[in-house]
C-alpha atoms as a PDB file:
ATOM      1  CA  MET A   1      54.027   4.202-118.950  1.00  0.00           C
ATOM      2  CA  SER A   2      52.133   6.958-120.727  1.00  0.00           C
ATOM      3  CA  LYS A   3      51.040   9.983-118.768  1.00  0.00           C
ATOM      4  CA  VAL A   4      47.584  11.445-119.254  1.00  0.00           C
ATOM      5  CA  ALA A   5      46.598  14.991-118.279  1.00  0.00           C
ATOM      6  CA  LEU A   6      43.031  16.252-118.017  1.00  0.00           C
ATOM      7  CA  VAL A   7      41.743  19.533-119.422  1.00  0.00           C
ATOM      8  CA  THR A   8      38.265  20.886-118.740  1.00  0.00           C
ATOM      9  CA  ASP A   9      36.540  24.271-118.711  1.00  0.00           C
ATOM     10  CA  SER A  10      35.608  26.661-115.929  1.00  0.00           C
ATOM     11  CA  THR A  11      32.036  25.389-115.585  1.00  0.00           C
ATOM     12  CA  ALA A  12      33.192  22.073-114.063  1.00  0.00           C
ATOM     13  CA  TYR A  13      33.424  23.558-110.534  1.00  0.00           C
ATOM     14  CA  ILE A  14      35.924  20.979-109.330  1.00  0.00           C
ATOM     15  CA  PRO A  15      37.313  22.088-105.937  1.00  0.00           C
ATOM     16  CA  GLN A  16      40.724  23.710-106.152  1.00  0.00           C
ATOM     17  CA  GLU A  17      42.380  21.101-103.950  1.00  0.00           C
ATOM     18  CA  LEU A  18      41.305  18.349-106.358  1.00  0.00           C
ATOM     19  CA  ILE A  19      42.401  20.376-109.390  1.00  0.00           C
ATOM     20  CA  GLU A  20      45.837  20.668-107.813  1.00  0.00           C
ATOM     21  CA  LYS A  21      45.981  17.058-106.617  1.00  0.00           C
ATOM     22  CA  TYR A  22      45.242  15.642-110.069  1.00  0.00           C
ATOM     23  CA  HIS A  23      46.970  18.415-112.065  1.00  0.00           C
ATOM     24  CA  ILE A  24      43.795  19.272-113.981  1.00  0.00           C
ATOM     25  CA  THR A  25      43.998  22.204-116.404  1.00  0.00           C
ATOM     26  CA  VAL A  26      40.955  24.493-116.392  1.00  0.00           C
ATOM     27  CA  THR A  27      40.326  26.663-119.458  1.00  0.00           C
ATOM     28  CA  PRO A  28      38.221  29.777-118.785  1.00  0.00           C
ATOM     29  CA  GLN A  29      34.889  30.592-120.374  1.00  0.00           C
ATOM     30  CA  ILE A  30      34.439  34.239-121.322  1.00  0.00           C
ATOM     31  CA  LEU A  31      32.114  36.802-119.706  1.00  0.00           C
ATOM     32  CA  ILE A  32      31.319  39.957-121.688  1.00  0.00           C
ATOM     33  CA  TRP A  33      29.860  42.878-119.749  1.00  0.00           C
ATOM     34  CA  GLY A  34      29.413  45.982-121.826  1.00  0.00           C
ATOM     35  CA  ASP A  35      32.891  47.006-122.955  1.00  0.00           C
ATOM     36  CA  GLU A  36      34.605  44.687-120.460  1.00  0.00           C
ATOM     37  CA  THR A  37      35.733  41.123-121.104  1.00  0.00           C
ATOM     38  CA  PHE A  38      36.550  38.729-118.257  1.00  0.00           C
ATOM     39  CA  GLU A  39      37.965  35.225-118.067  1.00  0.00           C
ATOM     40  CA  ASP A  40      35.567  33.171-115.931  1.00  0.00           C
ATOM     41  CA  GLY A  41      36.937  32.545-112.447  1.00  0.00           C
ATOM     42  CA  ILE A  42      40.176  34.398-113.205  1.00  0.00           C
ATOM     43  CA  ASP A  43      39.347  38.074-113.796  1.00  0.00           C
ATOM     44  CA  ILE A  44      36.008  37.945-112.001  1.00  0.00           C
ATOM     45  CA  GLN A  45      34.846  35.810-109.084  1.00  0.00           C
ATOM     46  CA  PRO A  46      31.256  34.855-108.168  1.00  0.00           C
ATOM     47  CA  GLU A  47      30.960  37.225-105.203  1.00  0.00           C
ATOM     48  CA  GLU A  48      31.866  40.265-107.303  1.00  0.00           C
ATOM     49  CA  PHE A  49      29.710  39.068-110.203  1.00  0.00           C
ATOM     50  CA  TYR A  50      26.492  38.723-108.180  1.00  0.00           C
ATOM     51  CA  ARG A  51      27.117  42.007-106.414  1.00  0.00           C
ATOM     52  CA  ARG A  52      27.448  43.822-109.746  1.00  0.00           C
ATOM     53  CA  LEU A  53      24.475  41.979-111.226  1.00  0.00           C
ATOM     54  CA  LYS A  54      22.106  43.441-108.619  1.00  0.00           C
ATOM     55  CA  SER A  55      22.554  46.980-109.903  1.00  0.00           C
ATOM     56  CA  ALA A  56      23.619  46.335-113.499  1.00  0.00           C
ATOM     57  CA  LYS A  57      21.849  48.327-116.209  1.00  0.00           C
ATOM     58  CA  ILE A  58      23.556  46.300-118.929  1.00  0.00           C
ATOM     59  CA  MET A  59      23.255  42.522-118.631  1.00  0.00           C
ATOM     60  CA  PRO A  60      26.338  40.364-119.243  1.00  0.00           C
ATOM     61  CA  THR A  61      26.662  37.847-122.062  1.00  0.00           C
ATOM     62  CA  THR A  62      28.996  34.889-122.438  1.00  0.00           C
ATOM     63  CA  SER A  63      31.294  33.283-124.955  1.00  0.00           C
ATOM     64  CA  GLN A  64      33.054  29.941-125.221  1.00  0.00           C
ATOM     65  CA  VAL A  65      36.653  29.230-124.235  1.00  0.00           C
ATOM     66  CA  SER A  66      38.913  30.880-126.782  1.00  0.00           C
ATOM     67  CA  ILE A  67      40.773  28.807-129.355  1.00  0.00           C
ATOM     68  CA  VAL A  68      44.027  30.431-128.194  1.00  0.00           C
ATOM     69  CA  ASN A  69      43.531  29.277-124.597  1.00  0.00           C
ATOM     70  CA  MET A  70      42.718  25.771-125.819  1.00  0.00           C
ATOM     71  CA  GLN A  71      45.880  25.740-127.925  1.00  0.00           C
ATOM     72  CA  LYS A  72      47.965  26.849-124.950  1.00  0.00           C
ATOM     73  CA  ALA A  73      46.478  24.172-122.709  1.00  0.00           C
ATOM     74  CA  PHE A  74      46.958  21.337-125.197  1.00  0.00           C
ATOM     75  CA  SER A  75      50.385  22.287-126.517  1.00  0.00           C
ATOM     76  CA  GLY A  76      51.790  23.047-123.066  1.00  0.00           C
ATOM     77  CA  LEU A  77      50.865  19.598-121.781  1.00  0.00           C
ATOM     78  CA  ILE A  78      52.056  17.821-124.925  1.00  0.00           C
ATOM     79  CA  GLU A  79      55.435  19.574-124.607  1.00  0.00           C
ATOM     80  CA  LYS A  80      55.684  18.156-121.091  1.00  0.00           C
ATOM     81  CA  GLY A  81      55.205  14.635-122.458  1.00  0.00           C
ATOM     82  CA  TYR A  82      51.530  14.130-121.698  1.00  0.00           C
ATOM     83  CA  ASP A  83      48.716  12.637-123.683  1.00  0.00           C
ATOM     84  CA  VAL A  84      45.702  14.898-123.155  1.00  0.00           C
ATOM     85  CA  LEU A  85      42.029  14.222-122.502  1.00  0.00           C
ATOM     86  CA  GLY A  86      39.714  17.214-122.779  1.00  0.00           C
ATOM     87  CA  ILE A  87      36.248  16.922-121.223  1.00  0.00           C
ATOM     88  CA  PHE A  88      34.048  19.947-121.796  1.00  0.00           C
ATOM     89  CA  ILE A  89      30.583  21.434-121.336  1.00  0.00           C
ATOM     90  CA  SER A  90      27.838  20.051-123.579  1.00  0.00           C
ATOM     91  CA  ALA A  91      28.106  21.144-127.203  1.00  0.00           C
ATOM     92  CA  LYS A  92      24.365  21.874-127.036  1.00  0.00           C
ATOM     93  CA  LEU A  93      25.020  24.561-124.428  1.00  0.00           C
ATOM     94  CA  SER A  94      28.301  26.064-125.580  1.00  0.00           C
ATOM     95  CA  GLY A  95      30.726  26.243-128.499  1.00  0.00           C
ATOM     96  CA  THR A  96      33.610  25.150-126.244  1.00  0.00           C
ATOM     97  CA  ILE A  97      33.929  21.735-127.920  1.00  0.00           C
ATOM     98  CA  GLN A  98      34.199  23.564-131.246  1.00  0.00           C
ATOM     99  CA  SER A  99      37.025  25.705-129.853  1.00  0.00           C
ATOM    100  CA  ALA A 100      38.799  22.545-128.696  1.00  0.00           C
ATOM    101  CA  GLN A 101      38.460  20.926-132.103  1.00  0.00           C
ATOM    102  CA  GLN A 102      39.739  24.037-133.865  1.00  0.00           C
ATOM    103  CA  ALA A 103      42.685  24.158-131.485  1.00  0.00           C
ATOM    104  CA  LEU A 104      43.459  20.540-132.361  1.00  0.00           C
ATOM    105  CA  GLU A 105      43.655  21.389-136.042  1.00  0.00           C
ATOM    106  CA  SER A 106      46.520  23.764-135.313  1.00  0.00           C
ATOM    107  CA  LEU A 107      48.602  21.097-133.557  1.00  0.00           C
ATOM    108  CA  GLY A 108      49.548  19.123-136.658  1.00  0.00           C
ATOM    109  CA  SER A 109      50.787  15.612-135.931  1.00  0.00           C
ATOM    110  CA  ALA A 110      50.679  16.297-132.179  1.00  0.00           C
ATOM    111  CA  ALA A 111      46.874  16.279-132.385  1.00  0.00           C
ATOM    112  CA  SER A 112      47.026  12.483-132.156  1.00  0.00           C
ATOM    113  CA  LYS A 113      47.989  12.912-128.499  1.00  0.00           C
ATOM    114  CA  VAL A 114      44.689  14.633-127.675  1.00  0.00           C
ATOM    115  CA  ALA A 115      41.190  13.171-127.247  1.00  0.00           C
ATOM    116  CA  ILE A 116      38.040  15.242-126.693  1.00  0.00           C
ATOM    117  CA  VAL A 117      34.907  14.050-124.895  1.00  0.00           C
ATOM    118  CA  ASP A 118      31.602  15.901-124.793  1.00  0.00           C
ATOM    119  CA  SER A 119      30.320  15.620-121.215  1.00  0.00           C
ATOM    120  CA  TYR A 120      26.715  16.245-122.346  1.00  0.00           C
ATOM    121  CA  SER A 121      26.557  18.209-119.125  1.00  0.00           C
ATOM    122  CA  THR A 122      28.185  20.889-117.005  1.00  0.00           C
ATOM    123  CA  ALA A 123      28.923  21.706-113.344  1.00  0.00           C
ATOM    124  CA  MET A 124      29.963  18.771-111.169  1.00  0.00           C
ATOM    125  CA  ALA A 125      27.990  16.330-113.326  1.00  0.00           C
ATOM    126  CA  MET A 126      30.851  17.065-115.721  1.00  0.00           C
ATOM    127  CA  GLY A 127      33.331  17.450-112.887  1.00  0.00           C
ATOM    128  CA  PHE A 128      32.753  13.877-111.723  1.00  0.00           C
ATOM    129  CA  GLN A 129      33.534  12.644-115.234  1.00  0.00           C
ATOM    130  CA  VAL A 130      36.777  14.611-115.191  1.00  0.00           C
ATOM    131  CA  LEU A 131      37.710  13.331-111.745  1.00  0.00           C
ATOM    132  CA  THR A 132      36.993   9.725-112.739  1.00  0.00           C
ATOM    133  CA  ALA A 133      39.416   9.968-115.649  1.00  0.00           C
ATOM    134  CA  ALA A 134      41.965  11.973-113.642  1.00  0.00           C
ATOM    135  CA  ARG A 135      42.009   9.412-110.833  1.00  0.00           C
ATOM    136  CA  ALA A 136      42.501   6.619-113.360  1.00  0.00           C
ATOM    137  CA  ALA A 137      45.314   8.572-115.017  1.00  0.00           C
ATOM    138  CA  ALA A 138      46.991   9.004-111.637  1.00  0.00           C
ATOM    139  CA  ASP A 139      46.916   5.216-111.307  1.00  0.00           C
ATOM    140  CA  GLY A 140      48.613   4.793-114.685  1.00  0.00           C
ATOM    141  CA  ALA A 141      45.693   4.423-117.120  1.00  0.00           C
ATOM    142  CA  ASN A 142      46.482   5.282-120.741  1.00  0.00           C
ATOM    143  CA  LEU A 143      44.576   7.736-122.933  1.00  0.00           C
ATOM    144  CA  ALA A 144      42.218   5.149-124.448  1.00  0.00           C
ATOM    145  CA  ASP A 145      41.351   3.793-120.995  1.00  0.00           C
ATOM    146  CA  CYS A 146      40.687   7.291-119.686  1.00  0.00           C
ATOM    147  CA  VAL A 147      38.419   8.084-122.636  1.00  0.00           C
ATOM    148  CA  ASN A 148      36.455   4.876-122.049  1.00  0.00           C
ATOM    149  CA  LEU A 149      36.084   5.657-118.352  1.00  0.00           C
ATOM    150  CA  ALA A 150      34.947   9.224-119.035  1.00  0.00           C
ATOM    151  CA  GLU A 151      32.314   8.016-121.497  1.00  0.00           C
ATOM    152  CA  LYS A 152      31.152   5.377-119.026  1.00  0.00           C
ATOM    153  CA  ALA A 153      30.989   7.952-116.235  1.00  0.00           C
ATOM    154  CA  ARG A 154      28.898  10.191-118.463  1.00  0.00           C
ATOM    155  CA  ALA A 155      26.082   7.637-118.327  1.00  0.00           C
ATOM    156  CA  HIS A 156      26.274   7.550-114.521  1.00  0.00           C
ATOM    157  CA  THR A 157      26.083  11.287-113.893  1.00  0.00           C
ATOM    158  CA  GLY A 158      23.381  13.930-113.898  1.00  0.00           C
ATOM    159  CA  VAL A 159      22.280  17.222-112.406  1.00  0.00           C
ATOM    160  CA  TYR A 160      18.950  18.721-111.355  1.00  0.00           C
ATOM    161  CA  PHE A 161      18.541  22.376-110.505  1.00  0.00           C
ATOM    162  CA  ALA A 162      15.946  24.752-109.171  1.00  0.00           C
ATOM    163  CA  VAL A 163      15.843  28.298-110.520  1.00  0.00           C
ATOM    164  CA  ASP A 164      14.051  31.305-109.097  1.00  0.00           C
ATOM    165  CA  THR A 165      13.067  32.454-112.581  1.00  0.00           C
ATOM    166  CA  LEU A 166      13.392  31.282-116.185  1.00  0.00           C
ATOM    167  CA  GLU A 167      14.144  34.850-117.286  1.00  0.00           C
ATOM    168  CA  PHE A 168      17.914  34.396-117.442  1.00  0.00           C
ATOM    169  CA  LEU A 169      17.831  31.082-119.331  1.00  0.00           C
ATOM    170  CA  HIS A 170      15.305  32.483-121.793  1.00  0.00           C
ATOM    171  CA  ARG A 171      17.259  35.664-122.379  1.00  0.00           C
ATOM    172  CA  GLY A 172      20.477  33.738-122.947  1.00  0.00           C
ATOM    173  CA  GLY A 173      18.937  31.277-125.373  1.00  0.00           C
ATOM    174  CA  ARG A 174      19.732  28.257-123.180  1.00  0.00           C
ATOM    175  CA  ILE A 175      16.191  27.444-122.091  1.00  0.00           C
ATOM    176  CA  GLY A 176      15.779  24.273-124.170  1.00  0.00           C
ATOM    177  CA  GLY A 177      12.876  22.073-123.112  1.00  0.00           C
ATOM    178  CA  ALA A 178      12.074  24.364-120.177  1.00  0.00           C
ATOM    179  CA  GLN A 179      10.426  26.679-122.721  1.00  0.00           C
ATOM    180  CA  ARG A 180       7.075  25.090-121.894  1.00  0.00           C
ATOM    181  CA  PHE A 181       7.281  26.448-118.335  1.00  0.00           C
ATOM    182  CA  LEU A 182       7.395  30.068-119.518  1.00  0.00           C
ATOM    183  CA  GLY A 183       4.320  32.008-118.526  1.00  0.00           C
ATOM    184  CA  SER A 184       3.680  29.834-115.465  1.00  0.00           C
ATOM    185  CA  ALA A 185       2.345  31.427-112.310  1.00  0.00           C
ATOM    186  CA  LEU A 186       5.099  33.524-110.777  1.00  0.00           C
ATOM    187  CA  ASN A 187       5.063  31.665-107.471  1.00  0.00           C
ATOM    188  CA  LEU A 188       5.904  28.324-109.105  1.00  0.00           C
ATOM    189  CA  LYS A 189       9.536  27.257-108.880  1.00  0.00           C
ATOM    190  CA  PRO A 190      10.786  25.342-111.942  1.00  0.00           C
ATOM    191  CA  ILE A 191      12.883  22.190-111.514  1.00  0.00           C
ATOM    192  CA  LEU A 192      15.122  21.520-114.490  1.00  0.00           C
ATOM    193  CA  MET A 193      17.663  18.893-115.495  1.00  0.00           C
ATOM    194  CA  LEU A 194      20.331  18.297-118.092  1.00  0.00           C
ATOM    195  CA  GLU A 195      19.409  15.413-120.344  1.00  0.00           C
ATOM    196  CA  ASP A 196      21.352  14.413-123.452  1.00  0.00           C
ATOM    197  CA  GLY A 197      23.232  17.673-123.187  1.00  0.00           C
ATOM    198  CA  ARG A 198      20.317  20.092-123.108  1.00  0.00           C
ATOM    199  CA  ILE A 199      18.092  21.658-120.460  1.00  0.00           C
ATOM    200  CA  GLU A 200      14.775  19.897-119.922  1.00  0.00           C
ATOM    201  CA  ALA A 201      11.834  20.738-117.682  1.00  0.00           C
ATOM    202  CA  VAL A 202      11.073  18.271-114.898  1.00  0.00           C
ATOM    203  CA  ASP A 203       8.608  19.733-112.425  1.00  0.00           C
ATOM    204  CA  ARG A 204       7.131  22.882-110.879  1.00  0.00           C
ATOM    205  CA  VAL A 205       6.514  23.324-107.169  1.00  0.00           C
ATOM    206  CA  ARG A 206       4.964  26.117-105.168  1.00  0.00           C
ATOM    207  CA  THR A 207       7.696  27.103-102.731  1.00  0.00           C
ATOM    208  CA  ARG A 208      11.448  27.288-102.660  1.00  0.00           C
ATOM    209  CA  THR A 209      11.623  24.875 -99.722  1.00  0.00           C
ATOM    210  CA  LYS A 210       9.642  22.297-101.663  1.00  0.00           C
ATOM    211  CA  ALA A 211      11.814  22.891-104.703  1.00  0.00           C
ATOM    212  CA  LEU A 212      14.985  22.066-102.779  1.00  0.00           C
ATOM    213  CA  ASP A 213      13.383  18.975-101.245  1.00  0.00           C
ATOM    214  CA  ARG A 214      12.294  17.927-104.731  1.00  0.00           C
ATOM    215  CA  LEU A 215      15.907  18.110-105.946  1.00  0.00           C
ATOM    216  CA  ILE A 216      16.872  15.509-103.361  1.00  0.00           C
ATOM    217  CA  GLU A 217      13.874  13.326-104.216  1.00  0.00           C
ATOM    218  CA  LEU A 218      14.726  13.344-107.929  1.00  0.00           C
ATOM    219  CA  VAL A 219      18.368  12.468-107.349  1.00  0.00           C
ATOM    220  CA  ALA A 220      17.343   9.742-104.881  1.00  0.00           C
ATOM    221  CA  GLU A 221      15.192   8.190-107.609  1.00  0.00           C
ATOM    222  CA  LYS A 222      18.113   8.233-110.048  1.00  0.00           C
ATOM    223  CA  VAL A 223      20.671   6.680-107.692  1.00  0.00           C
ATOM    224  CA  LYS A 224      18.387   4.091-106.084  1.00  0.00           C
ATOM    225  CA  ASP A 225      20.122   0.743-105.482  1.00  0.00           C
ATOM    226  CA  LYS A 226      23.421   2.083-106.865  1.00  0.00           C
ATOM    227  CA  SER A 227      26.730   2.578-105.124  1.00  0.00           C
ATOM    228  CA  PRO A 228      29.007   4.328-104.584  1.00  0.00           C
ATOM    229  CA  ILE A 229      27.135   7.638-104.679  1.00  0.00           C
ATOM    230  CA  ARG A 230      28.938  10.943-105.165  1.00  0.00           C
ATOM    231  CA  LEU A 231      27.076  14.229-104.731  1.00  0.00           C
ATOM    232  CA  ALA A 232      27.759  17.898-105.312  1.00  0.00           C
ATOM    233  CA  THR A 233      25.690  21.014-104.829  1.00  0.00           C
ATOM    234  CA  LEU A 234      26.127  24.130-106.898  1.00  0.00           C
ATOM    235  CA  HIS A 235      24.690  27.506-106.042  1.00  0.00           C
ATOM    236  CA  ALA A 236      24.363  30.996-107.439  1.00  0.00           C
ATOM    237  CA  ASN A 237      24.649  33.288-104.426  1.00  0.00           C
ATOM    238  CA  ALA A 238      22.698  30.885-102.186  1.00  0.00           C
ATOM    239  CA  GLY A 239      25.431  29.180-100.200  1.00  0.00           C
ATOM    240  CA  GLN A 240      23.586  28.501 -96.942  1.00  0.00           C
ATOM    241  CA  GLU A 241      20.683  26.740 -98.643  1.00  0.00           C
ATOM    242  CA  ALA A 242      23.020  24.750-100.880  1.00  0.00           C
ATOM    243  CA  SER A 243      25.025  23.628 -97.869  1.00  0.00           C
ATOM    244  CA  GLU A 244      21.845  22.405 -96.184  1.00  0.00           C
ATOM    245  CA  VAL A 245      20.793  20.525 -99.345  1.00  0.00           C
ATOM    246  CA  LEU A 246      24.186  18.843 -99.583  1.00  0.00           C
ATOM    247  CA  GLN A 247      24.178  17.823 -95.926  1.00  0.00           C
ATOM    248  CA  LYS A 248      20.648  16.434 -96.101  1.00  0.00           C
ATOM    249  CA  ALA A 249      21.203  14.594 -99.394  1.00  0.00           C
ATOM    250  CA  SER A 250      24.557  13.165 -98.325  1.00  0.00           C
ATOM    251  CA  GLN A 251      23.106  11.748 -95.120  1.00  0.00           C
ATOM    252  CA  GLN A 252      19.982  10.389 -96.784  1.00  0.00           C
ATOM    253  CA  LEU A 253      21.833   8.779 -99.703  1.00  0.00           C
ATOM    254  CA  GLN A 254      24.976   7.795 -97.764  1.00  0.00           C
ATOM    255  CA  ALA A 255      27.268   9.569-100.199  1.00  0.00           C
ATOM    256  CA  THR A 256      30.896   8.479-100.344  1.00  0.00           C
ATOM    257  CA  GLU A 257      31.961  11.897-101.654  1.00  0.00           C
ATOM    258  CA  SER A 258      30.267  15.258-101.130  1.00  0.00           C
ATOM    259  CA  ILE A 259      31.378  18.437-102.880  1.00  0.00           C
ATOM    260  CA  PHE A 260      30.149  21.991-102.309  1.00  0.00           C
ATOM    261  CA  SER A 261      30.595  24.302-105.280  1.00  0.00           C
ATOM    262  CA  GLU A 262      29.644  27.769-106.439  1.00  0.00           C
ATOM    263  CA  VAL A 263      28.185  28.704-109.819  1.00  0.00           C
ATOM    264  CA  SER A 264      30.687  30.754-111.793  1.00  0.00           C
ATOM    265  CA  PRO A 265      29.774  34.054-113.489  1.00  0.00           C
ATOM    266  CA  VAL A 266      29.362  32.425-116.919  1.00  0.00           C
ATOM    267  CA  ILE A 267      26.745  29.900-115.793  1.00  0.00           C
ATOM    268  CA  GLY A 268      25.295  32.418-113.340  1.00  0.00           C
ATOM    269  CA  THR A 269      24.568  34.691-116.308  1.00  0.00           C
ATOM    270  CA  HIS A 270      22.223  32.051-117.699  1.00  0.00           C
ATOM    271  CA  ALA A 271      20.858  30.392-114.551  1.00  0.00           C
ATOM    272  CA  GLY A 272      20.350  33.570-112.522  1.00  0.00           C
ATOM    273  CA  PRO A 273      20.857  34.363-108.815  1.00  0.00           C
ATOM    274  CA  GLY A 274      19.331  31.941-106.347  1.00  0.00           C
ATOM    275  CA  THR A 275      19.815  28.862-108.509  1.00  0.00           C
ATOM    276  CA  ILE A 276      20.682  25.693-106.591  1.00  0.00           C
ATOM    277  CA  GLY A 277      21.600  22.396-108.198  1.00  0.00           C
ATOM    278  CA  LEU A 278      22.347  18.871-107.061  1.00  0.00           C
ATOM    279  CA  ALA A 279      24.699  16.805-109.218  1.00  0.00           C
ATOM    280  CA  TYR A 280      25.463  13.133-108.803  1.00  0.00           C
ATOM    281  CA  MET A 281      27.507  10.211-110.012  1.00  0.00           C
ATOM    282  CA  ALA A 282      26.320   6.761-108.964  1.00  0.00           C
ATOM    283  CA  GLY A 283      27.259   3.181-109.680  1.00  0.00           C
ATOM    284  CA  MET A 284      30.951   3.543-110.479  1.00  0.00           C
END
């Protein structure tokens, strides 16, 4: 029986207990802050990041997972006898897939033991894809089966998010289809989504409370008449509100799995403080 190990990147936000349970390898994105370089979630944690951001005179930038870290992840698992499935943040948002492919080229004949899937997403919309494949692998699925499941799960997942401002996305060049919301009245709260791997504008509402309610409404529309339903919130320094969104959505949609997660420094750099998202997987 072949063994399959999962590799993802630090924007998946899979809870640590599930990472450990399914032996998932997480490769870190890179945060660059002036002369300092941090590995996302390793050298800098969200609490410290948002605290520093409040008074920062120099804004941080980000970079994809390094080729070296990809090589280490792949080769280490192959040496242990695993086939490897890498599921990473959308190639339209990050060069992480490119790093993975370059790492593969260095593996020689061992590269045949590795498959790479573009999640077309990030956060727990990607995390649910990883968990779907990891759970199948734990039950004995081979690499081809895990790839097929991950690609199927991709079509059943999504994420909506409300941001306090588009400033961070615009500055970081990740604004995508939300560009058309720039210049809107300052009191309007943009609702965005990931679609086909890029950020798209969905709606604008007048208050933060309405924005969070709208997240639940949009997800409810997407998961209607589907089961099981898995949900996850993500937040950038807005834990209490995110917890309330998750509780309300989980009860309303009768979720079979509910996950609370925090936005890491790398995504927080682009989304900005106060961002709250609601990710889902439904129908599988």
